[in-house]
Structure formats: structure tokens, C-alpha cells
């Protein structure tokens, strides 16, 4: 099974993903590792990516997901997947890929980003993240204002694992 944790930057995808993967003894992967150096530089400078920038990233993720499914791997994937079209591109098998939406208010996320250091994703991009966000209707939605361990337990309970 693949659990795709989605949400805007600062929603806790990496923190929750690492904790969730550890609690399940699964592999954790961060979609940020699939970005090109050019896209990372763009984001570091507060320049939003467009769909043309994102396509190689999405293709690389889709290839990795297909391989994990083929190998029957259990993976927690932290991935923004802000638009429905991106999620449709990545969810190759809805029975084996579960979408979990880490949902938080602009204020909570902004505060987190202001406190975060040594990350390429600039707080300047938060508005564009929320502008791009198309909230999923077919996902488990989790409130990110809860403590991380509670969020992980809520996800496990919702998935029955």
C-alpha cells in the first residue's frame, strides 16, 4: 500500500510521514527529493512553479509509484499534490494508494513556515500554494492543529492499520 500524504508546504507532510512510516515499519519517501535542482532554486527564490516546471517531477513520481506498486512495497509518500489533476496522475491504483489530506488554516501554516529554517520552500510561496490547492473530496482529511502523534493515530484509525 502507498499512503500519499498531501497538503500545502508547512502542513506537516514530512514530520507526519516520518512518524507514520516509523509506526508502520514502512518506507518513507519525500516528493521534494524528486524535484530538479532548477525547480528547487526557483522555489528558494520565492518563484512559484508552473505546470511545465512540475511535469518532469510528476513523471518521476509516477514512475516511482508504479515501481513501488509492482514490487508491492509499503510506502508513505509526502507530496503536495495540490491539484486534482496531479492526484489523478499519481494515484495509479485507488485500491492500493490511499490519499490523506493534511488540512490546516492559512494562519497555522504561515506560523509554521515562519518558524522553519533550512528549507527551500519560502514562506513567500504560501499564498500561491493555497491558490493552487484544490481540496480533495476522496481523501481522508486530518486536522493539522493536533499534535503529531494524534495525527498519526487518526490516520492509522481511518485506514484501519
C-alpha atoms as a PDB file:
ATOM      1  CA  UNK A   1       0.000   0.000   0.000  1.00  0.00           C
ATOM      2  CA  UNK A   2       1.074   3.577  -0.609  1.00  0.00           C
ATOM      3  CA  UNK A   3      -0.146   6.355   1.654  1.00  0.00           C
ATOM      4  CA  UNK A   4       0.103   9.677  -0.160  1.00  0.00           C
ATOM      5  CA  UNK A   5       0.194  12.495   2.402  1.00  0.00           C
ATOM      6  CA  UNK A   6      -0.798  15.695   0.637  1.00  0.00           C
ATOM      7  CA  UNK A   7      -1.137  19.339   1.597  1.00  0.00           C
ATOM      8  CA  UNK A   8       0.485  22.735   1.289  1.00  0.00           C
ATOM      9  CA  UNK A   9       4.050  23.392   2.348  1.00  0.00           C
ATOM     10  CA  UNK A  10       4.215  23.513   6.136  1.00  0.00           C
ATOM     11  CA  UNK A  11       1.208  21.230   6.678  1.00  0.00           C
ATOM     12  CA  UNK A  12       3.442  18.578   8.246  1.00  0.00           C
ATOM     13  CA  UNK A  13       3.855  16.103   5.396  1.00  0.00           C
ATOM     14  CA  UNK A  14       7.448  15.229   6.261  1.00  0.00           C
ATOM     15  CA  UNK A  15       7.005  15.235  10.049  1.00  0.00           C
ATOM     16  CA  UNK A  16       3.823  13.164   9.942  1.00  0.00           C
ATOM     17  CA  UNK A  17       5.139  10.991   7.127  1.00  0.00           C
ATOM     18  CA  UNK A  18       8.277  10.039   9.023  1.00  0.00           C
ATOM     19  CA  UNK A  19       6.310   9.276  12.199  1.00  0.00           C
ATOM     20  CA  UNK A  20       3.652   7.319  10.317  1.00  0.00           C
ATOM     21  CA  UNK A  21       6.193   5.294   8.336  1.00  0.00           C
ATOM     22  CA  UNK A  22       8.133   4.548  11.522  1.00  0.00           C
ATOM     23  CA  UNK A  23       4.980   3.443  13.369  1.00  0.00           C
ATOM     24  CA  UNK A  24       4.127   1.075  10.499  1.00  0.00           C
ATOM     25  CA  UNK A  25       7.712  -0.007   9.803  1.00  0.00           C
ATOM     26  CA  UNK A  26       7.236   1.204   6.211  1.00  0.00           C
ATOM     27  CA  UNK A  27       9.498   3.113   3.847  1.00  0.00           C
ATOM     28  CA  UNK A  28       9.198   6.922   3.823  1.00  0.00           C
ATOM     29  CA  UNK A  29       9.779   8.964   0.696  1.00  0.00           C
ATOM     30  CA  UNK A  30       9.565  12.730   0.246  1.00  0.00           C
ATOM     31  CA  UNK A  31       8.440  14.014  -3.159  1.00  0.00           C
ATOM     32  CA  UNK A  32      10.752  17.014  -2.663  1.00  0.00           C
ATOM     33  CA  UNK A  33      13.648  14.646  -3.439  1.00  0.00           C
ATOM     34  CA  UNK A  34      12.218  14.221  -6.961  1.00  0.00           C
ATOM     35  CA  UNK A  35      12.457  17.956  -7.830  1.00  0.00           C
ATOM     36  CA  UNK A  36      15.112  19.144 -10.249  1.00  0.00           C
ATOM     37  CA  UNK A  37      17.838  21.474  -8.918  1.00  0.00           C
ATOM     38  CA  UNK A  38      16.354  24.204 -11.136  1.00  0.00           C
ATOM     39  CA  UNK A  39      12.914  23.896  -9.517  1.00  0.00           C
ATOM     40  CA  UNK A  40      14.421  23.915  -6.036  1.00  0.00           C
ATOM     41  CA  UNK A  41      16.305  27.129  -6.853  1.00  0.00           C
ATOM     42  CA  UNK A  42      13.136  28.665  -8.239  1.00  0.00           C
ATOM     43  CA  UNK A  43      11.239  27.895  -5.023  1.00  0.00           C
ATOM     44  CA  UNK A  44      14.158  29.019  -2.861  1.00  0.00           C
ATOM     45  CA  UNK A  45      13.857  32.428  -4.532  1.00  0.00           C
ATOM     46  CA  UNK A  46      10.100  32.580  -3.949  1.00  0.00           C
ATOM     47  CA  UNK A  47       9.152  31.921  -7.579  1.00  0.00           C
ATOM     48  CA  UNK A  48       6.127  29.630  -7.939  1.00  0.00           C
ATOM     49  CA  UNK A  49       6.437  26.693 -10.315  1.00  0.00           C
ATOM     50  CA  UNK A  50       4.082  26.323 -13.242  1.00  0.00           C
ATOM     51  CA  UNK A  51       2.707  23.110 -14.740  1.00  0.00           C
ATOM     52  CA  UNK A  52       5.571  22.941 -17.234  1.00  0.00           C
ATOM     53  CA  UNK A  53       8.049  23.025 -14.316  1.00  0.00           C
ATOM     54  CA  UNK A  54       6.095  20.354 -12.475  1.00  0.00           C
ATOM     55  CA  UNK A  55       5.714  17.840 -15.317  1.00  0.00           C
ATOM     56  CA  UNK A  56       9.172  16.178 -15.033  1.00  0.00           C
ATOM     57  CA  UNK A  57       8.643  15.976 -11.256  1.00  0.00           C
ATOM     58  CA  UNK A  58       5.214  14.376 -11.676  1.00  0.00           C
ATOM     59  CA  UNK A  59       6.564  11.919 -14.259  1.00  0.00           C
ATOM     60  CA  UNK A  60       9.405  10.901 -11.927  1.00  0.00           C
ATOM     61  CA  UNK A  61       6.936  10.410  -9.075  1.00  0.00           C
ATOM     62  CA  UNK A  62       4.554   8.418 -11.251  1.00  0.00           C
ATOM     63  CA  UNK A  63       7.418   6.149 -12.331  1.00  0.00           C
ATOM     64  CA  UNK A  64       8.481   5.597  -8.713  1.00  0.00           C
ATOM     65  CA  UNK A  65       4.895   4.895  -7.624  1.00  0.00           C
ATOM     66  CA  UNK A  66       4.432   2.388 -10.455  1.00  0.00           C
ATOM     67  CA  UNK A  67       7.630   0.610  -9.369  1.00  0.00           C
ATOM     68  CA  UNK A  68       6.558   0.515  -5.706  1.00  0.00           C
ATOM     69  CA  UNK A  69       3.208  -0.961  -6.729  1.00  0.00           C
ATOM     70  CA  UNK A  70       4.910  -3.532  -8.943  1.00  0.00           C
ATOM     71  CA  UNK A  71       7.207  -4.515  -6.053  1.00  0.00           C
ATOM     72  CA  UNK A  72       4.266  -4.476  -3.623  1.00  0.00           C
ATOM     73  CA  UNK A  73       6.123  -2.054  -1.337  1.00  0.00           C
ATOM     74  CA  UNK A  74       4.542  -0.263   1.586  1.00  0.00           C
ATOM     75  CA  UNK A  75       5.468   3.413   1.283  1.00  0.00           C
ATOM     76  CA  UNK A  76       4.425   6.655   2.936  1.00  0.00           C
ATOM     77  CA  UNK A  77       4.900   9.408   0.345  1.00  0.00           C
ATOM     78  CA  UNK A  78       4.893  13.070   1.375  1.00  0.00           C
ATOM     79  CA  UNK A  79       3.761  15.014  -1.694  1.00  0.00           C
ATOM     80  CA  UNK A  80       1.990  18.350  -2.047  1.00  0.00           C
ATOM     81  CA  UNK A  81      -0.316  17.062  -4.857  1.00  0.00           C
ATOM     82  CA  UNK A  82      -2.266  20.306  -4.606  1.00  0.00           C
ATOM     83  CA  UNK A  83      -4.348  19.952  -7.751  1.00  0.00           C
ATOM     84  CA  UNK A  84      -6.828  17.250  -8.583  1.00  0.00           C
ATOM     85  CA  UNK A  85      -5.140  16.648 -11.948  1.00  0.00           C
ATOM     86  CA  UNK A  86      -1.829  15.911 -10.167  1.00  0.00           C
ATOM     87  CA  UNK A  87      -3.513  13.441  -7.833  1.00  0.00           C
ATOM     88  CA  UNK A  88      -5.220  11.708 -10.750  1.00  0.00           C
ATOM     89  CA  UNK A  89      -1.806  11.436 -12.426  1.00  0.00           C
ATOM     90  CA  UNK A  90      -0.241   9.892  -9.300  1.00  0.00           C
ATOM     91  CA  UNK A  91      -2.996   7.644  -7.941  1.00  0.00           C
ATOM     92  CA  UNK A  92      -2.449   4.741 -10.326  1.00  0.00           C
ATOM     93  CA  UNK A  93      -4.476   2.276  -8.259  1.00  0.00           C
ATOM     94  CA  UNK A  94      -7.067   3.695  -5.868  1.00  0.00           C
ATOM     95  CA  UNK A  95      -7.323   0.370  -4.040  1.00  0.00           C
ATOM     96  CA  UNK A  96      -3.607   0.382  -3.163  1.00  0.00           C
ATOM     97  CA  UNK A  97      -2.929   4.125  -2.907  1.00  0.00           C
ATOM     98  CA  UNK A  98      -4.655   5.969  -0.082  1.00  0.00           C
ATOM     99  CA  UNK A  99      -4.834   9.749  -0.103  1.00  0.00           C
ATOM    100  CA  UNK A 100      -4.527  11.584   3.215  1.00  0.00           C
ATOM    101  CA  UNK A 101      -5.055  15.351   3.215  1.00  0.00           C
ATOM    102  CA  UNK A 102      -3.232  17.280   5.938  1.00  0.00           C
ATOM    103  CA  UNK A 103      -5.578  20.236   6.287  1.00  0.00           C
ATOM    104  CA  UNK A 104      -4.749  23.433   8.132  1.00  0.00           C
ATOM    105  CA  UNK A 105      -5.660  27.086   8.131  1.00  0.00           C
ATOM    106  CA  UNK A 106      -3.517  29.695   6.411  1.00  0.00           C
ATOM    107  CA  UNK A 107      -2.623  31.164   9.818  1.00  0.00           C
ATOM    108  CA  UNK A 108      -1.409  27.872  11.306  1.00  0.00           C
ATOM    109  CA  UNK A 109       0.634  27.021   8.216  1.00  0.00           C
ATOM    110  CA  UNK A 110       2.101  30.526   7.962  1.00  0.00           C
ATOM    111  CA  UNK A 111       3.247  30.379  11.588  1.00  0.00           C
ATOM    112  CA  UNK A 112       4.935  27.025  10.960  1.00  0.00           C
ATOM    113  CA  UNK A 113       6.729  28.314   7.875  1.00  0.00           C
ATOM    114  CA  UNK A 114       7.975  31.369   9.774  1.00  0.00           C
ATOM    115  CA  UNK A 115       9.492  29.042  12.382  1.00  0.00           C
ATOM    116  CA  UNK A 116      11.037  26.658   9.823  1.00  0.00           C
ATOM    117  CA  UNK A 117      14.685  27.033   8.855  1.00  0.00           C
ATOM    118  CA  UNK A 118      16.941  25.431   6.233  1.00  0.00           C
ATOM    119  CA  UNK A 119      14.163  24.533   3.810  1.00  0.00           C
ATOM    120  CA  UNK A 120      13.992  25.679   0.201  1.00  0.00           C
ATOM    121  CA  UNK A 121      10.250  26.337   0.274  1.00  0.00           C
ATOM    122  CA  UNK A 122       9.841  30.014   1.039  1.00  0.00           C
ATOM    123  CA  UNK A 123       7.045  31.464   3.135  1.00  0.00           C
ATOM    124  CA  UNK A 124       6.577  33.843   0.184  1.00  0.00           C
ATOM    125  CA  UNK A 125       5.044  30.945  -1.757  1.00  0.00           C
ATOM    126  CA  UNK A 126       2.323  30.177   0.770  1.00  0.00           C
ATOM    127  CA  UNK A 127      -0.292  32.316  -0.980  1.00  0.00           C
ATOM    128  CA  UNK A 128       0.390  30.551  -4.275  1.00  0.00           C
ATOM    129  CA  UNK A 129       0.151  27.172  -2.514  1.00  0.00           C
ATOM    130  CA  UNK A 130      -3.302  27.990  -1.153  1.00  0.00           C
ATOM    131  CA  UNK A 131      -4.293  29.462  -4.548  1.00  0.00           C
ATOM    132  CA  UNK A 132      -3.305  26.185  -6.261  1.00  0.00           C
ATOM    133  CA  UNK A 133      -4.904  23.951  -3.624  1.00  0.00           C
ATOM    134  CA  UNK A 134      -7.937  22.022  -4.809  1.00  0.00           C
ATOM    135  CA  UNK A 135      -9.153  20.274  -1.679  1.00  0.00           C
ATOM    136  CA  UNK A 136      -9.720  16.580  -2.362  1.00  0.00           C
ATOM    137  CA  UNK A 137     -13.146  15.054  -1.965  1.00  0.00           C
ATOM    138  CA  UNK A 138     -11.950  11.449  -1.976  1.00  0.00           C
ATOM    139  CA  UNK A 139      -9.338  11.636   0.779  1.00  0.00           C
ATOM    140  CA  UNK A 140      -9.020  11.121   4.484  1.00  0.00           C
ATOM    141  CA  UNK A 141      -8.884  14.662   5.863  1.00  0.00           C
ATOM    142  CA  UNK A 142      -6.840  15.261   9.014  1.00  0.00           C
ATOM    143  CA  UNK A 143      -6.670  18.454  11.084  1.00  0.00           C
ATOM    144  CA  UNK A 144      -3.013  19.530  11.369  1.00  0.00           C
ATOM    145  CA  UNK A 145      -3.596  21.557  14.520  1.00  0.00           C
ATOM    146  CA  UNK A 146      -3.491  18.308  16.539  1.00  0.00           C
ATOM    147  CA  UNK A 147      -0.185  17.031  17.986  1.00  0.00           C
ATOM    148  CA  UNK A 148       1.797  14.855  15.530  1.00  0.00           C
ATOM    149  CA  UNK A 149       1.251  11.588  17.444  1.00  0.00           C
ATOM    150  CA  UNK A 150      -2.521  12.220  17.485  1.00  0.00           C
ATOM    151  CA  UNK A 151      -2.486  12.912  13.735  1.00  0.00           C
ATOM    152  CA  UNK A 152      -0.611   9.658  13.091  1.00  0.00           C
ATOM    153  CA  UNK A 153      -3.081   7.702  15.222  1.00  0.00           C
ATOM    154  CA  UNK A 154      -6.032   9.382  13.463  1.00  0.00           C
ATOM    155  CA  UNK A 155      -4.603   8.355  10.090  1.00  0.00           C
ATOM    156  CA  UNK A 156      -3.983   4.784  11.211  1.00  0.00           C
ATOM    157  CA  UNK A 157      -7.507   4.543  12.631  1.00  0.00           C
ATOM    158  CA  UNK A 158      -9.081   5.965   9.462  1.00  0.00           C
ATOM    159  CA  UNK A 159      -7.124   3.484   7.331  1.00  0.00           C
ATOM    160  CA  UNK A 160      -7.688   0.583   9.713  1.00  0.00           C
ATOM    161  CA  UNK A 161      -3.954  -0.156  10.053  1.00  0.00           C
END
